[in-house]
Amino acid sequence: MADKSAIEWTEATWNPTTGCDRISAGCDNCYALTLAKRLKAMGSTKYQTDGDPRTSGPGFGVALHADALDIPRRWRDPRTVFVNSMSDLFHARVPLDYVQQVFAVMRETPRHTFQVLTEVISATFR
């Protein structure tokens, strides 16, 4: 999580999950895969789960971070938030009930604008 972001199109990042798998050629130059490897080497606790070396890599195994769920609630000033800059919230190994918890936090904090990007082709939410 970063209270401020160097990404030009957002103000903060929030990562209640980390990790992913390469699923297409579009993933070949994934910045998050490279960054996770570096963060693992630096000892960052969120990046100690290794992924399958064929599709993921060091520090980039899918991991849930329930301790991060409360972060947007603590931000008083409105901000634009990139959700899961270091993973895909809709990854097959992220349980639906956890995704629902993430969306509940977004509903409870309408002062923020949340940006959710995904590699999923299609999804249905109820």
N, C-alpha and C. Protein backbone atom coordinates (compact mmCIF):
# COMPACT_ATOMS: atom_id res chain seq x y z
N MET A 1 0.86 -1.17 0.00
CA MET A 1 0.00 0.00 0.00
C MET A 1 0.89 1.21 0.00
N ALA A 2 0.51 2.19 -0.80
CA ALA A 2 1.22 3.47 -0.82
C ALA A 2 0.20 4.58 -0.69
N ASP A 3 0.41 5.39 0.32
CA ASP A 3 -0.48 6.52 0.55
C ASP A 3 -0.35 7.55 -0.57
N LYS A 4 0.79 7.55 -1.21
CA LYS A 4 1.04 8.39 -2.38
C LYS A 4 1.58 7.46 -3.47
N SER A 5 1.38 7.83 -4.72
CA SER A 5 1.84 6.98 -5.80
C SER A 5 2.58 7.81 -6.85
N ALA A 6 3.62 7.21 -7.43
CA ALA A 6 4.32 7.85 -8.54
C ALA A 6 3.62 7.57 -9.87
N ILE A 7 2.61 6.71 -9.86
CA ILE A 7 1.85 6.41 -11.08
C ILE A 7 1.05 7.65 -11.42
N GLU A 8 1.21 8.15 -12.62
CA GLU A 8 0.63 9.46 -12.99
C GLU A 8 -0.89 9.50 -12.99
N TRP A 9 -1.55 8.37 -13.15
CA TRP A 9 -3.01 8.38 -13.28
C TRP A 9 -3.73 7.96 -11.99
N THR A 10 -3.00 7.88 -10.88
CA THR A 10 -3.64 7.56 -9.60
C THR A 10 -2.94 8.29 -8.48
N GLU A 11 -3.55 8.29 -7.30
CA GLU A 11 -2.96 8.99 -6.16
C GLU A 11 -2.42 8.04 -5.09
N ALA A 12 -2.96 6.83 -5.03
CA ALA A 12 -2.53 5.86 -4.03
C ALA A 12 -2.74 4.46 -4.58
N THR A 13 -2.07 3.49 -3.96
CA THR A 13 -2.29 2.09 -4.31
C THR A 13 -2.73 1.35 -3.05
N TRP A 14 -3.53 0.31 -3.26
CA TRP A 14 -4.03 -0.53 -2.16
C TRP A 14 -3.98 -1.97 -2.63
N ASN A 15 -3.22 -2.80 -1.92
CA ASN A 15 -3.01 -4.17 -2.34
C ASN A 15 -3.49 -5.18 -1.28
N PRO A 16 -4.80 -5.45 -1.23
CA PRO A 16 -5.28 -6.47 -0.31
C PRO A 16 -4.92 -7.89 -0.77
N THR A 17 -4.45 -8.02 -2.00
CA THR A 17 -3.86 -9.27 -2.48
C THR A 17 -2.58 -8.91 -3.23
N THR A 18 -1.69 -9.88 -3.33
CA THR A 18 -0.50 -9.73 -4.16
C THR A 18 -0.32 -11.03 -4.94
N GLY A 19 0.41 -10.95 -6.03
CA GLY A 19 0.73 -12.12 -6.82
C GLY A 19 -0.21 -12.34 -7.98
N CYS A 20 0.27 -13.10 -8.95
CA CYS A 20 -0.52 -13.34 -10.15
C CYS A 20 0.15 -14.46 -10.96
N ASP A 21 -0.40 -14.75 -12.11
CA ASP A 21 0.18 -15.69 -13.06
C ASP A 21 0.11 -15.07 -14.45
N ARG A 22 1.14 -15.33 -15.23
CA ARG A 22 1.12 -14.87 -16.63
C ARG A 22 0.13 -15.75 -17.38
N ILE A 23 -0.84 -15.09 -18.02
CA ILE A 23 -1.88 -15.86 -18.73
C ILE A 23 -1.91 -15.57 -20.23
N SER A 24 -1.15 -14.55 -20.66
CA SER A 24 -1.17 -14.20 -22.08
C SER A 24 0.12 -13.48 -22.43
N ALA A 25 0.30 -13.22 -23.71
CA ALA A 25 1.49 -12.49 -24.17
C ALA A 25 1.52 -11.08 -23.58
N GLY A 26 0.37 -10.54 -23.23
CA GLY A 26 0.32 -9.22 -22.62
C GLY A 26 1.00 -9.17 -21.26
N CYS A 27 1.24 -10.33 -20.66
CA CYS A 27 1.88 -10.41 -19.34
C CYS A 27 3.40 -10.50 -19.44
N ASP A 28 3.93 -10.59 -20.66
CA ASP A 28 5.36 -10.81 -20.83
C ASP A 28 6.24 -9.73 -20.20
N ASN A 29 5.76 -8.52 -20.14
CA ASN A 29 6.56 -7.42 -19.59
C ASN A 29 5.94 -6.88 -18.30
N CYS A 30 5.44 -7.76 -17.46
CA CYS A 30 4.75 -7.38 -16.24
C CYS A 30 5.70 -6.71 -15.25
N TYR A 31 5.44 -5.44 -14.95
CA TYR A 31 6.28 -4.71 -14.00
C TYR A 31 6.14 -5.30 -12.60
N ALA A 32 4.94 -5.79 -12.25
CA ALA A 32 4.69 -6.28 -10.89
C ALA A 32 5.49 -7.56 -10.62
N LEU A 33 5.64 -8.41 -11.61
CA LEU A 33 6.44 -9.64 -11.45
C LEU A 33 7.88 -9.29 -11.11
N THR A 34 8.44 -8.34 -11.84
CA THR A 34 9.82 -7.90 -11.60
C THR A 34 9.95 -7.22 -10.24
N LEU A 35 9.01 -6.37 -9.91
CA LEU A 35 9.05 -5.65 -8.64
C LEU A 35 8.89 -6.62 -7.46
N ALA A 36 8.02 -7.62 -7.59
CA ALA A 36 7.82 -8.59 -6.51
C ALA A 36 9.12 -9.34 -6.21
N LYS A 37 9.85 -9.70 -7.23
CA LYS A 37 11.13 -10.39 -7.04
C LYS A 37 12.08 -9.51 -6.23
N ARG A 38 12.14 -8.25 -6.56
CA ARG A 38 13.00 -7.30 -5.84
C ARG A 38 12.52 -7.12 -4.39
N LEU A 39 11.21 -6.97 -4.21
CA LEU A 39 10.66 -6.79 -2.86
C LEU A 39 10.89 -8.03 -1.99
N LYS A 40 10.81 -9.22 -2.59
CA LYS A 40 11.11 -10.45 -1.85
C LYS A 40 12.55 -10.42 -1.37
N ALA A 41 13.48 -10.07 -2.26
CA ALA A 41 14.90 -10.02 -1.90
C ALA A 41 15.17 -9.00 -0.80
N MET A 42 14.36 -7.94 -0.76
CA MET A 42 14.52 -6.91 0.27
C MET A 42 13.86 -7.33 1.59
N GLY A 43 13.16 -8.47 1.60
CA GLY A 43 12.55 -8.97 2.82
C GLY A 43 11.15 -8.46 3.09
N SER A 44 10.52 -7.82 2.12
CA SER A 44 9.16 -7.31 2.31
C SER A 44 8.21 -8.48 2.59
N THR A 45 7.48 -8.40 3.70
CA THR A 45 6.66 -9.53 4.14
C THR A 45 5.56 -9.92 3.15
N LYS A 46 5.02 -8.96 2.43
CA LYS A 46 3.94 -9.27 1.48
C LYS A 46 4.42 -10.08 0.27
N TYR A 47 5.71 -10.16 0.07
CA TYR A 47 6.25 -10.77 -1.14
C TYR A 47 7.15 -11.96 -0.84
N GLN A 48 6.76 -12.79 0.11
CA GLN A 48 7.53 -13.98 0.47
C GLN A 48 6.91 -15.25 -0.08
N THR A 49 5.73 -15.15 -0.68
CA THR A 49 5.07 -16.32 -1.27
C THR A 49 5.52 -16.45 -2.72
N ASP A 50 6.18 -17.55 -3.03
CA ASP A 50 6.65 -17.76 -4.40
C ASP A 50 5.56 -18.37 -5.26
N GLY A 51 5.54 -17.97 -6.52
CA GLY A 51 4.60 -18.53 -7.47
C GLY A 51 5.25 -19.63 -8.29
N ASP A 52 4.46 -20.32 -9.06
CA ASP A 52 4.95 -21.35 -9.97
C ASP A 52 5.93 -20.70 -10.96
N PRO A 53 7.16 -21.18 -11.04
CA PRO A 53 8.15 -20.54 -11.93
C PRO A 53 7.76 -20.53 -13.41
N ARG A 54 6.83 -21.41 -13.80
CA ARG A 54 6.39 -21.43 -15.20
C ARG A 54 5.45 -20.27 -15.52
N THR A 55 4.71 -19.78 -14.52
CA THR A 55 3.71 -18.75 -14.77
C THR A 55 3.84 -17.52 -13.88
N SER A 56 4.64 -17.64 -12.84
CA SER A 56 4.74 -16.55 -11.87
C SER A 56 6.21 -16.34 -11.52
N GLY A 57 6.55 -16.39 -10.25
CA GLY A 57 7.95 -16.25 -9.90
C GLY A 57 8.17 -15.94 -8.43
N PRO A 58 9.42 -15.63 -8.08
CA PRO A 58 9.76 -15.36 -6.68
C PRO A 58 8.96 -14.18 -6.12
N GLY A 59 8.31 -14.42 -4.99
CA GLY A 59 7.56 -13.35 -4.33
C GLY A 59 6.24 -13.01 -4.98
N PHE A 60 5.87 -13.72 -6.04
CA PHE A 60 4.69 -13.35 -6.80
C PHE A 60 3.60 -14.41 -6.78
N GLY A 61 3.65 -15.31 -5.80
CA GLY A 61 2.56 -16.25 -5.61
C GLY A 61 1.36 -15.50 -5.06
N VAL A 62 0.18 -15.93 -5.42
CA VAL A 62 -1.04 -15.26 -4.97
C VAL A 62 -1.15 -15.37 -3.44
N ALA A 63 -1.33 -14.22 -2.80
CA ALA A 63 -1.46 -14.17 -1.34
C ALA A 63 -2.53 -13.15 -0.96
N LEU A 64 -3.32 -13.48 0.05
CA LEU A 64 -4.34 -12.57 0.57
C LEU A 64 -3.76 -11.83 1.77
N HIS A 65 -4.10 -10.56 1.90
CA HIS A 65 -3.59 -9.74 3.00
C HIS A 65 -4.77 -9.08 3.71
N ALA A 66 -5.45 -9.89 4.53
CA ALA A 66 -6.63 -9.39 5.25
C ALA A 66 -6.30 -8.19 6.13
N ASP A 67 -5.06 -8.10 6.59
CA ASP A 67 -4.65 -6.97 7.42
C ASP A 67 -4.68 -5.65 6.64
N ALA A 68 -4.70 -5.73 5.32
CA ALA A 68 -4.73 -4.52 4.49
C ALA A 68 -6.15 -4.05 4.17
N LEU A 69 -7.14 -4.85 4.49
CA LEU A 69 -8.52 -4.50 4.13
C LEU A 69 -8.97 -3.18 4.74
N ASP A 70 -8.50 -2.84 5.91
CA ASP A 70 -8.96 -1.65 6.63
C ASP A 70 -8.31 -0.35 6.16
N ILE A 71 -7.27 -0.43 5.35
CA ILE A 71 -6.48 0.76 5.00
C ILE A 71 -7.32 1.90 4.41
N PRO A 72 -8.18 1.69 3.41
CA PRO A 72 -8.95 2.82 2.86
C PRO A 72 -9.87 3.49 3.89
N ARG A 73 -10.31 2.74 4.86
CA ARG A 73 -11.15 3.32 5.91
C ARG A 73 -10.38 4.35 6.74
N ARG A 74 -9.09 4.17 6.85
CA ARG A 74 -8.26 5.08 7.65
C ARG A 74 -7.88 6.35 6.90
N TRP A 75 -8.02 6.34 5.58
CA TRP A 75 -7.71 7.54 4.80
C TRP A 75 -8.89 8.49 4.89
N ARG A 76 -8.70 9.63 5.49
CA ARG A 76 -9.79 10.60 5.66
C ARG A 76 -10.01 11.43 4.41
N ASP A 77 -8.93 11.87 3.78
CA ASP A 77 -9.06 12.70 2.58
C ASP A 77 -9.36 11.83 1.36
N PRO A 78 -10.28 12.28 0.50
CA PRO A 78 -10.60 11.52 -0.71
C PRO A 78 -9.36 11.35 -1.59
N ARG A 79 -9.27 10.22 -2.22
CA ARG A 79 -8.16 9.99 -3.16
C ARG A 79 -8.59 8.97 -4.22
N THR A 80 -7.87 8.95 -5.31
CA THR A 80 -8.05 7.96 -6.36
C THR A 80 -7.11 6.81 -6.04
N VAL A 81 -7.66 5.61 -5.96
CA VAL A 81 -6.92 4.46 -5.46
C VAL A 81 -6.85 3.35 -6.51
N PHE A 82 -5.65 2.96 -6.87
CA PHE A 82 -5.43 1.83 -7.76
C PHE A 82 -5.47 0.57 -6.89
N VAL A 83 -6.50 -0.25 -7.08
CA VAL A 83 -6.69 -1.46 -6.29
C VAL A 83 -5.88 -2.59 -6.92
N ASN A 84 -5.04 -3.22 -6.11
CA ASN A 84 -4.22 -4.35 -6.53
C ASN A 84 -3.29 -4.01 -7.69
N SER A 85 -2.44 -3.04 -7.45
CA SER A 85 -1.42 -2.71 -8.45
C SER A 85 -0.41 -3.84 -8.57
N MET A 86 -0.42 -4.77 -7.59
CA MET A 86 0.54 -5.87 -7.58
C MET A 86 -0.13 -7.24 -7.68
N SER A 87 -1.32 -7.27 -8.26
CA SER A 87 -2.01 -8.55 -8.45
C SER A 87 -3.28 -8.33 -9.26
N ASP A 88 -4.03 -9.41 -9.40
CA ASP A 88 -5.33 -9.35 -10.05
C ASP A 88 -6.36 -9.80 -9.03
N LEU A 89 -7.24 -8.89 -8.62
CA LEU A 89 -8.25 -9.20 -7.63
C LEU A 89 -9.11 -10.38 -8.04
N PHE A 90 -9.26 -10.61 -9.32
CA PHE A 90 -10.14 -11.66 -9.82
C PHE A 90 -9.38 -12.92 -10.22
N HIS A 91 -8.17 -13.08 -9.71
CA HIS A 91 -7.40 -14.30 -9.97
C HIS A 91 -8.19 -15.51 -9.47
N ALA A 92 -8.07 -16.62 -10.15
CA ALA A 92 -8.83 -17.83 -9.80
C ALA A 92 -8.57 -18.30 -8.37
N ARG A 93 -7.41 -17.97 -7.80
CA ARG A 93 -7.11 -18.40 -6.43
C ARG A 93 -7.49 -17.38 -5.37
N VAL A 94 -8.17 -16.31 -5.76
CA VAL A 94 -8.70 -15.36 -4.78
C VAL A 94 -10.16 -15.75 -4.56
N PRO A 95 -10.49 -16.20 -3.35
CA PRO A 95 -11.86 -16.66 -3.09
C PRO A 95 -12.90 -15.55 -3.28
N LEU A 96 -14.06 -15.93 -3.77
CA LEU A 96 -15.13 -14.98 -4.01
C LEU A 96 -15.49 -14.20 -2.75
N ASP A 97 -15.52 -14.86 -1.60
CA ASP A 97 -15.88 -14.14 -0.38
C ASP A 97 -14.84 -13.07 -0.04
N TYR A 98 -13.59 -13.29 -0.41
CA TYR A 98 -12.57 -12.27 -0.17
C TYR A 98 -12.76 -11.09 -1.13
N VAL A 99 -13.05 -11.38 -2.38
CA VAL A 99 -13.36 -10.31 -3.35
C VAL A 99 -14.53 -9.48 -2.83
N GLN A 100 -15.53 -10.15 -2.29
CA GLN A 100 -16.69 -9.44 -1.74
C GLN A 100 -16.30 -8.56 -0.56
N GLN A 101 -15.35 -9.00 0.25
CA GLN A 101 -14.87 -8.17 1.36
C GLN A 101 -14.17 -6.91 0.84
N VAL A 102 -13.38 -7.06 -0.22
CA VAL A 102 -12.70 -5.91 -0.82
C VAL A 102 -13.74 -4.92 -1.35
N PHE A 103 -14.76 -5.43 -2.04
CA PHE A 103 -15.80 -4.55 -2.57
C PHE A 103 -16.61 -3.91 -1.45
N ALA A 104 -16.79 -4.60 -0.33
CA ALA A 104 -17.49 -4.02 0.81
C ALA A 104 -16.72 -2.81 1.34
N VAL A 105 -15.41 -2.91 1.41
CA VAL A 105 -14.60 -1.76 1.84
C VAL A 105 -14.78 -0.60 0.87
N MET A 106 -14.80 -0.89 -0.42
CA MET A 106 -14.99 0.18 -1.41
C MET A 106 -16.37 0.83 -1.25
N ARG A 107 -17.38 0.03 -1.00
CA ARG A 107 -18.73 0.59 -0.77
C ARG A 107 -18.77 1.46 0.48
N GLU A 108 -18.05 1.06 1.52
CA GLU A 108 -18.05 1.76 2.80
C GLU A 108 -17.22 3.04 2.78
N THR A 109 -16.45 3.25 1.71
CA THR A 109 -15.59 4.44 1.63
C THR A 109 -15.84 5.19 0.33
N PRO A 110 -17.06 5.71 0.14
CA PRO A 110 -17.41 6.36 -1.13
C PRO A 110 -16.67 7.67 -1.38
N ARG A 111 -15.94 8.16 -0.39
CA ARG A 111 -15.15 9.39 -0.61
C ARG A 111 -13.98 9.13 -1.57
N HIS A 112 -13.60 7.87 -1.72
CA HIS A 112 -12.49 7.52 -2.61
C HIS A 112 -13.03 7.06 -3.97
N THR A 113 -12.20 7.20 -4.99
CA THR A 113 -12.48 6.64 -6.31
C THR A 113 -11.54 5.46 -6.48
N PHE A 114 -12.09 4.28 -6.67
CA PHE A 114 -11.29 3.07 -6.79
C PHE A 114 -11.15 2.66 -8.25
N GLN A 115 -9.93 2.34 -8.64
CA GLN A 115 -9.62 1.87 -9.99
C GLN A 115 -9.26 0.39 -9.89
N VAL A 116 -10.07 -0.46 -10.49
CA VAL A 116 -9.83 -1.90 -10.43
C VAL A 116 -9.54 -2.38 -11.85
N LEU A 117 -8.31 -2.81 -12.08
CA LEU A 117 -7.93 -3.37 -13.37
C LEU A 117 -7.81 -4.87 -13.21
N THR A 118 -8.08 -5.61 -14.28
CA THR A 118 -8.07 -7.06 -14.20
C THR A 118 -7.62 -7.67 -15.52
N GLU A 119 -7.15 -8.91 -15.42
CA GLU A 119 -6.81 -9.67 -16.61
C GLU A 119 -7.94 -10.60 -17.00
N VAL A 120 -8.97 -10.66 -16.18
CA VAL A 120 -10.11 -11.50 -16.46
C VAL A 120 -10.84 -10.98 -17.70
N ILE A 121 -11.20 -11.85 -18.59
CA ILE A 121 -11.89 -11.46 -19.81
C ILE A 121 -13.31 -11.00 -19.47
N SER A 122 -14.01 -11.78 -18.67
CA SER A 122 -15.37 -11.39 -18.28
C SER A 122 -15.65 -11.89 -16.87
N ALA A 123 -16.52 -11.19 -16.18
CA ALA A 123 -16.89 -11.57 -14.83
C ALA A 123 -18.30 -11.09 -14.55
N THR A 124 -19.00 -11.80 -13.69
CA THR A 124 -20.34 -11.41 -13.29
C THR A 124 -20.35 -11.18 -11.79
N PHE A 125 -20.93 -10.06 -11.35
CA PHE A 125 -20.99 -9.75 -9.93
C PHE A 125 -22.43 -9.59 -9.53
N ARG A 126 -22.77 -10.14 -8.37
CA ARG A 126 -24.13 -10.03 -7.86
C ARG A 126 -24.10 -9.47 -6.48
